[in-house]
Protein backbone atom coordinates (compact mmCIF):
# COMPACT_ATOMS: atom_id res chain seq x y z
CA UNK A 1 15.13 9.43 -16.98
CA UNK A 2 12.55 6.69 -16.50
CA UNK A 3 11.39 6.52 -12.88
CA UNK A 4 9.25 3.83 -11.22
CA UNK A 5 7.04 4.64 -8.23
CA UNK A 6 6.06 1.38 -6.55
CA UNK A 7 3.28 1.51 -3.96
CA UNK A 8 0.55 -1.00 -3.26
CA UNK A 9 -1.63 1.80 -1.89
CA UNK A 10 -1.64 5.47 -2.82
CA UNK A 11 -3.91 7.82 -0.91
CA UNK A 12 -6.58 9.37 -3.14
CA UNK A 13 -4.58 9.12 -6.35
CA UNK A 14 -7.40 10.70 -8.35
CA UNK A 15 -7.32 13.80 -6.14
CA UNK A 16 -3.54 13.94 -6.03
CA UNK A 17 -3.31 13.92 -2.24
CA UNK A 18 -0.58 11.32 -1.99
CA UNK A 19 2.85 12.93 -1.79
CA UNK A 20 4.49 10.38 -4.09
CA UNK A 21 1.84 11.00 -6.73
CA UNK A 22 2.46 14.75 -6.47
CA UNK A 23 6.20 14.13 -6.57
CA UNK A 24 5.67 12.04 -9.69
CA UNK A 25 3.82 14.91 -11.35
CA UNK A 26 6.64 17.30 -10.45
CA UNK A 27 9.25 14.91 -11.86
CA UNK A 28 7.16 14.50 -15.00
CA UNK A 29 7.08 18.29 -15.44
CA UNK A 30 10.90 18.22 -15.52
CA UNK A 31 10.92 15.82 -18.44
CA UNK A 32 11.22 12.53 -16.57
CA UNK A 33 9.01 9.61 -17.64
CA UNK A 34 7.25 8.43 -14.48
CA UNK A 35 5.47 5.08 -14.20
CA UNK A 36 3.36 4.29 -11.14
CA UNK A 37 2.85 0.64 -10.18
CA UNK A 38 0.01 0.39 -7.69
CA UNK A 39 -3.14 -1.45 -6.65
CA UNK A 40 -6.30 -0.90 -8.65
CA UNK A 41 -8.12 0.56 -5.63
CA UNK A 42 -5.77 3.55 -5.71
CA UNK A 43 -7.11 4.56 -9.11
CA UNK A 44 -10.68 3.36 -8.66
CA UNK A 45 -10.28 0.88 -11.47
CA UNK A 46 -12.59 -2.14 -11.56
CA UNK A 47 -10.55 -4.78 -13.37
CA UNK A 48 -13.05 -7.62 -13.06
CA UNK A 49 -11.06 -10.78 -13.74
CA UNK A 50 -8.11 -9.00 -15.32
CA UNK A 51 -4.86 -8.83 -13.36
CA UNK A 52 -3.58 -5.60 -14.87
CA UNK A 53 -5.05 -2.30 -16.03
CA UNK A 54 -3.31 0.63 -17.74
CA UNK A 55 -4.15 4.33 -17.66
CA UNK A 56 -2.54 7.75 -17.83
CA UNK A 57 -3.28 10.35 -15.18
CA UNK A 58 -1.88 13.87 -15.08
CA UNK A 59 1.17 12.99 -17.12
CA UNK A 60 1.93 9.76 -15.27
CA UNK A 61 1.77 6.24 -16.67
CA UNK A 62 -0.23 4.16 -14.21
CA UNK A 63 -0.12 0.37 -14.11
CA UNK A 64 -2.78 -0.94 -11.72
CA UNK A 65 -2.85 -4.50 -10.41
CA UNK A 66 -6.02 -6.26 -9.33
CA UNK A 67 -5.53 -6.50 -5.58
CA UNK A 68 -8.55 -7.70 -3.54
CA UNK A 69 -9.86 -5.12 -1.11
CA UNK A 70 -13.13 -5.08 0.74
CA UNK A 71 -14.00 -3.65 4.12
CA UNK A 72 -11.06 -3.93 6.51
CA UNK A 73 -9.22 -7.16 5.65
CA UNK A 74 -7.42 -9.11 8.35
CA UNK A 75 -3.66 -9.36 8.59
CA UNK A 76 -3.45 -12.58 6.58
CA UNK A 77 -5.67 -11.19 3.83
CA UNK A 78 -3.46 -8.11 3.70
CA UNK A 79 -0.36 -10.30 3.49
CA UNK A 80 -1.80 -12.35 0.62
CA UNK A 81 -2.82 -9.19 -1.23
CA UNK A 82 0.65 -7.77 -0.68
CA UNK A 83 2.35 -10.88 -2.02
CA UNK A 84 0.09 -10.84 -5.08
CA UNK A 85 1.00 -7.22 -5.71
CA UNK A 86 4.69 -8.04 -5.30
CA UNK A 87 4.47 -10.90 -7.79
CA UNK A 88 2.56 -8.94 -10.44
CA UNK A 89 4.55 -5.72 -10.07
CA UNK A 90 7.88 -7.54 -10.11
CA UNK A 91 6.95 -9.43 -13.26
CA UNK A 92 5.42 -6.48 -15.13
CA UNK A 93 8.24 -4.15 -14.15
CA UNK A 94 10.71 -6.29 -16.07
CA UNK A 95 8.71 -5.72 -19.27
CA UNK A 96 8.96 -1.93 -19.12
CA UNK A 97 11.63 0.47 -20.38
CA UNK A 98 14.41 0.29 -17.82
CA UNK A 99 14.32 2.93 -15.06
CA UNK A 100 17.18 5.00 -13.73
CA UNK A 101 15.60 5.20 -10.27
CA UNK A 102 12.97 3.34 -8.26
CA UNK A 103 10.89 4.88 -5.45
CA UNK A 104 8.98 2.56 -3.12
CA UNK A 105 6.45 3.46 -0.43
CA UNK A 106 6.36 1.44 2.79
CA UNK A 107 4.35 0.08 4.51
CA UNK A 108 3.27 -2.46 3.63
CA UNK A 109 6.73 -3.98 3.54
CA UNK A 110 5.66 -6.36 0.78
CA UNK A 111 5.52 -3.36 -1.58
CA UNK A 112 9.30 -3.16 -1.34
CA UNK A 113 9.72 -6.74 -2.58
CA UNK A 114 9.17 -5.92 -6.28
CA UNK A 115 11.08 -2.64 -5.84
CA UNK A 116 14.14 -4.52 -4.54
CA UNK A 117 13.80 -7.12 -7.28
CA UNK A 118 13.59 -4.48 -10.01
CA UNK A 119 16.43 -2.47 -8.49
CA UNK A 120 18.68 -5.52 -8.73
CA UNK A 121 17.36 -6.48 -12.18
CA UNK A 122 18.05 -3.05 -13.69
CA UNK A 123 20.99 -2.26 -11.38
CA UNK A 124 19.58 1.11 -10.37
CA UNK A 125 19.22 2.89 -7.01
CA UNK A 126 16.28 2.08 -4.75
CA UNK A 127 14.72 4.79 -2.58
CA UNK A 128 12.39 3.56 0.17
CA UNK A 129 9.96 6.01 1.75
CA UNK A 130 8.89 4.84 5.22
CA UNK A 131 5.83 6.66 6.56
CA UNK A 132 5.62 4.44 9.64
CA UNK A 133 7.59 1.47 10.89
CA UNK A 134 6.45 -2.11 10.56
CA UNK A 135 6.18 -4.35 12.50
CA UNK A 136 6.67 -1.86 15.38
CA UNK A 137 3.53 0.19 14.57
CA UNK A 138 1.37 -2.95 14.22
CA UNK A 139 2.54 -4.27 17.58
CA UNK A 140 1.99 -0.90 19.26
CA UNK A 141 -1.59 -0.74 17.94
CA UNK A 142 -2.29 -4.29 19.07
CA UNK A 143 -2.82 -5.50 15.50
CA UNK A 144 0.03 -8.01 15.60
CA UNK A 145 1.25 -10.34 18.33
CA UNK A 146 2.40 -13.46 16.44
CA UNK A 147 6.08 -13.84 17.28
CA UNK A 148 6.98 -15.67 14.07
CA UNK A 149 5.31 -13.05 11.86
CA UNK A 150 7.02 -10.26 13.80
CA UNK A 151 10.39 -11.97 13.26
CA UNK A 152 9.76 -12.34 9.51
CA UNK A 153 8.69 -8.71 9.17
CA UNK A 154 11.69 -7.49 11.13
CA UNK A 155 13.96 -9.46 8.82
CA UNK A 156 12.28 -7.97 5.73
CA UNK A 157 12.43 -4.49 7.24
CA UNK A 158 16.16 -4.82 7.84
CA UNK A 159 16.73 -6.12 4.30
CA UNK A 160 14.99 -3.06 2.86
CA UNK A 161 17.15 -0.79 4.99
CA UNK A 162 20.27 -2.48 3.67
CA UNK A 163 19.24 -2.57 0.00
CA UNK A 164 17.99 1.02 -0.21
CA UNK A 165 20.36 3.72 -1.45
CA UNK A 166 18.27 6.27 0.46
CA UNK A 167 15.59 5.95 3.11
CA UNK A 168 13.11 8.82 3.24
CA UNK A 169 10.95 9.58 6.29
CA UNK A 170 8.32 12.30 6.88
CA UNK A 171 9.73 13.38 10.26
CA UNK A 172 12.71 13.13 12.60
CA UNK A 173 11.02 10.67 14.97
CA UNK A 174 10.73 7.96 12.29
CA UNK A 175 14.23 8.78 11.01
CA UNK A 176 15.80 8.31 14.44
CA UNK A 177 14.09 4.94 14.95
CA UNK A 178 15.40 3.69 11.61
CA UNK A 179 18.90 4.98 12.29
CA UNK A 180 19.03 2.85 15.43
CA UNK A 181 19.00 -0.21 13.14
CA UNK A 182 21.61 1.03 10.68
CA UNK A 183 25.36 1.38 10.56
CA UNK A 184 25.11 3.67 7.52
CA UNK A 185 22.96 6.27 9.26
CA UNK A 186 23.56 8.98 6.65
CA UNK A 187 21.37 7.22 4.08
CA UNK A 188 18.29 8.25 6.13
CA UNK A 189 16.87 11.64 5.11
CA UNK A 190 13.82 13.58 6.34
CA UNK A 191 11.54 15.08 3.69
CA UNK A 192 8.58 16.93 5.14
CA UNK A 193 5.48 17.55 3.05
CA UNK A 194 4.09 21.08 3.22
CA UNK A 195 1.64 20.57 0.38
CA UNK A 196 3.68 22.31 -2.31
CA UNK A 197 4.73 19.94 -5.10
CA UNK A 198 7.64 22.06 -6.34
CA UNK A 199 9.00 22.42 -2.80
CA UNK A 200 8.57 18.68 -2.30
CA UNK A 201 10.56 18.08 -5.48
CA UNK A 202 13.35 20.36 -4.27
CA UNK A 203 13.46 18.60 -0.90
CA UNK A 204 13.74 15.26 -2.69
CA UNK A 205 16.52 16.70 -4.86
CA UNK A 206 18.53 17.43 -1.73
CA UNK A 207 17.70 14.11 -0.10
CA UNK A 208 18.68 12.13 -3.19
CA UNK A 209 21.77 14.16 -4.06
CA UNK A 210 24.15 11.95 -6.00
CA UNK A 211 21.46 9.64 -7.42
CA UNK A 212 20.74 11.77 -10.49
CA UNK A 213 17.14 12.72 -9.69
CA UNK A 214 17.57 16.40 -10.58
CA UNK A 215 19.51 15.70 -13.78
CA UNK A 216 16.67 16.43 -16.19
CA UNK A 217 15.14 19.35 -17.98
CA UNK A 218 14.54 22.50 -15.88
CA UNK A 219 11.33 22.31 -13.88
CA UNK A 220 8.29 23.92 -15.46
CA UNK A 221 5.51 25.41 -13.40
CA UNK A 222 3.18 22.68 -12.15
CA UNK A 223 -0.33 23.25 -10.88
CA UNK A 224 -1.78 21.48 -7.84
CA UNK A 225 -4.69 19.12 -8.25
């Protein structure tokens, strides 16, 4: 199966610390073809004036988009960067071999825009992994107070909840907050990360039961980065 992992930011991709990157490696070891669509900062790629860069890391196809990042950008700069990522990833994703599954990491919520677009384009399940809740977390930290922006983000958040076939959270607290906004509460699943890639893959297998994630070659032993 071809699988897309869509995330504007991945934590220390080179070191393999991000759980979706490690999950991608585990899925690749099973025989799946995994393509990561991310920002160029995640892979330390200086693209200059180019919009897109290609590389292969630890068995994963990585498509990096030139997203501006410098210091700690303000909210509007983050929004513009997110919309640029959404535009480039959504366009490039339609030129790739069709996936059977799409995984998207949120926040930022804009990262789910191309994932939703590609899910509809290819008519395949979308899995959204929420590590914290926007705009709630931004408001709580005092980073966002604009009522109009909060309303827009809440609308986008709810749309992602509705479009996703599964919603993955790292703990019960986040899961319960999401379930308060859903009628189909059973689509929310908790997948904890204990640092073991094979265990993470098995937990995802259970969480995504029925979506065909495990239907590949038997898992081979995978080493940690």
